[in-house]
Amino acid sequence: MTRFRRRGLKGVKMEFLLNCLGLNLYKYHLFWLKQRANGLIGKLN
């Protein structure tokens, strides 16, 4: 409860949103690296 009092609900919602966004980017990056290692994704050039 102290986090809500210190930052307010708006700050906590923003922190949660940023954490979710970062986790999704991390998962996508790992997926992309696995696909690249298997040779399923071609080079851009």
N, C-alpha and C. Protein backbone atom coordinates (compact mmCIF):
# COMPACT_ATOMS: atom_id res chain seq x y z
N MET A 1 0.81 -1.21 0.00
CA MET A 1 0.00 0.00 0.00
C MET A 1 0.85 1.26 0.00
N THR A 2 2.07 1.18 0.47
CA THR A 2 2.87 2.40 0.54
C THR A 2 3.20 2.94 -0.85
N ARG A 3 3.33 2.06 -1.82
CA ARG A 3 3.63 2.52 -3.17
C ARG A 3 2.48 3.36 -3.72
N PHE A 4 1.26 2.96 -3.44
CA PHE A 4 0.11 3.73 -3.90
C PHE A 4 0.08 5.11 -3.25
N ARG A 5 0.41 5.17 -1.99
CA ARG A 5 0.38 6.45 -1.29
C ARG A 5 1.51 7.37 -1.73
N ARG A 6 2.66 6.77 -1.98
CA ARG A 6 3.83 7.57 -2.34
C ARG A 6 3.71 8.13 -3.75
N ARG A 7 3.35 7.29 -4.69
CA ARG A 7 3.33 7.69 -6.10
C ARG A 7 1.95 8.06 -6.59
N GLY A 8 0.95 7.58 -5.95
CA GLY A 8 -0.40 7.78 -6.45
C GLY A 8 -0.76 6.67 -7.43
N LEU A 9 -2.02 6.50 -7.65
CA LEU A 9 -2.50 5.43 -8.52
C LEU A 9 -2.03 5.63 -9.95
N LYS A 10 -1.98 6.88 -10.41
CA LYS A 10 -1.57 7.16 -11.78
C LYS A 10 -0.12 6.73 -12.03
N GLY A 11 0.76 7.00 -11.07
CA GLY A 11 2.16 6.60 -11.21
C GLY A 11 2.33 5.10 -11.21
N VAL A 12 1.54 4.41 -10.41
CA VAL A 12 1.62 2.95 -10.35
C VAL A 12 1.12 2.34 -11.65
N LYS A 13 0.04 2.90 -12.20
CA LYS A 13 -0.47 2.40 -13.49
C LYS A 13 0.56 2.58 -14.59
N MET A 14 1.23 3.73 -14.60
CA MET A 14 2.25 3.98 -15.62
C MET A 14 3.42 3.00 -15.47
N GLU A 15 3.85 2.75 -14.24
CA GLU A 15 4.94 1.81 -14.00
C GLU A 15 4.54 0.41 -14.47
N PHE A 16 3.33 0.00 -14.18
CA PHE A 16 2.84 -1.32 -14.60
C PHE A 16 2.81 -1.42 -16.12
N LEU A 17 2.34 -0.36 -16.78
CA LEU A 17 2.28 -0.34 -18.24
C LEU A 17 3.68 -0.46 -18.84
N LEU A 18 4.63 0.27 -18.29
CA LEU A 18 5.99 0.21 -18.82
C LEU A 18 6.63 -1.16 -18.59
N ASN A 19 6.34 -1.77 -17.46
CA ASN A 19 6.87 -3.12 -17.19
C ASN A 19 6.29 -4.13 -18.16
N CYS A 20 4.99 -4.04 -18.43
CA CYS A 20 4.37 -4.97 -19.38
C CYS A 20 4.94 -4.78 -20.78
N LEU A 21 5.13 -3.53 -21.18
CA LEU A 21 5.69 -3.24 -22.49
C LEU A 21 7.11 -3.80 -22.61
N GLY A 22 7.91 -3.59 -21.58
CA GLY A 22 9.27 -4.10 -21.60
C GLY A 22 9.32 -5.62 -21.65
N LEU A 23 8.43 -6.28 -20.92
CA LEU A 23 8.39 -7.74 -20.93
C LEU A 23 8.01 -8.27 -22.31
N ASN A 24 7.03 -7.62 -22.95
CA ASN A 24 6.62 -8.05 -24.29
C ASN A 24 7.75 -7.86 -25.29
N LEU A 25 8.47 -6.75 -25.20
CA LEU A 25 9.61 -6.53 -26.10
C LEU A 25 10.70 -7.56 -25.87
N TYR A 26 10.94 -7.91 -24.62
CA TYR A 26 11.95 -8.91 -24.28
C TYR A 26 11.57 -10.27 -24.86
N LYS A 27 10.30 -10.66 -24.71
CA LYS A 27 9.85 -11.94 -25.25
C LYS A 27 9.94 -11.96 -26.77
N TYR A 28 9.57 -10.85 -27.42
CA TYR A 28 9.65 -10.78 -28.88
C TYR A 28 11.10 -10.89 -29.34
N HIS A 29 12.00 -10.23 -28.62
CA HIS A 29 13.41 -10.27 -28.99
C HIS A 29 13.96 -11.69 -28.88
N LEU A 30 13.61 -12.39 -27.80
CA LEU A 30 14.07 -13.78 -27.66
C LEU A 30 13.50 -14.66 -28.76
N PHE A 31 12.23 -14.47 -29.12
CA PHE A 31 11.61 -15.23 -30.19
C PHE A 31 12.33 -14.96 -31.51
N TRP A 32 12.64 -13.68 -31.76
CA TRP A 32 13.32 -13.32 -32.99
C TRP A 32 14.70 -13.95 -33.06
N LEU A 33 15.42 -13.95 -31.93
CA LEU A 33 16.75 -14.56 -31.91
C LEU A 33 16.68 -16.07 -32.16
N LYS A 34 15.70 -16.74 -31.61
CA LYS A 34 15.55 -18.18 -31.83
C LYS A 34 15.24 -18.47 -33.29
N GLN A 35 14.36 -17.68 -33.89
CA GLN A 35 14.02 -17.87 -35.29
C GLN A 35 15.24 -17.62 -36.18
N ARG A 36 16.00 -16.60 -35.83
CA ARG A 36 17.20 -16.26 -36.61
C ARG A 36 18.24 -17.38 -36.51
N ALA A 37 18.37 -17.97 -35.33
CA ALA A 37 19.34 -19.05 -35.13
C ALA A 37 18.95 -20.29 -35.94
N ASN A 38 17.66 -20.50 -36.11
CA ASN A 38 17.19 -21.65 -36.88
C ASN A 38 17.22 -21.39 -38.38
N GLY A 39 17.51 -20.16 -38.78
CA GLY A 39 17.58 -19.83 -40.20
C GLY A 39 16.22 -19.63 -40.84
N LEU A 40 15.19 -19.41 -40.04
CA LEU A 40 13.85 -19.24 -40.60
C LEU A 40 13.59 -17.81 -41.04
N ILE A 41 14.37 -16.88 -40.55
CA ILE A 41 14.21 -15.48 -40.94
C ILE A 41 15.41 -15.10 -41.79
N GLY A 42 15.14 -14.59 -42.98
CA GLY A 42 16.23 -14.21 -43.87
C GLY A 42 16.80 -12.86 -43.52
N LYS A 43 17.91 -12.54 -44.14
CA LYS A 43 18.54 -11.24 -43.93
C LYS A 43 17.77 -10.18 -44.70
N LEU A 44 17.88 -8.94 -44.24
CA LEU A 44 17.18 -7.85 -44.91
C LEU A 44 17.82 -7.53 -46.25
N ASN A 45 19.14 -7.64 -46.35
CA ASN A 45 19.82 -7.31 -47.61
C ASN A 45 20.14 -8.54 -48.40
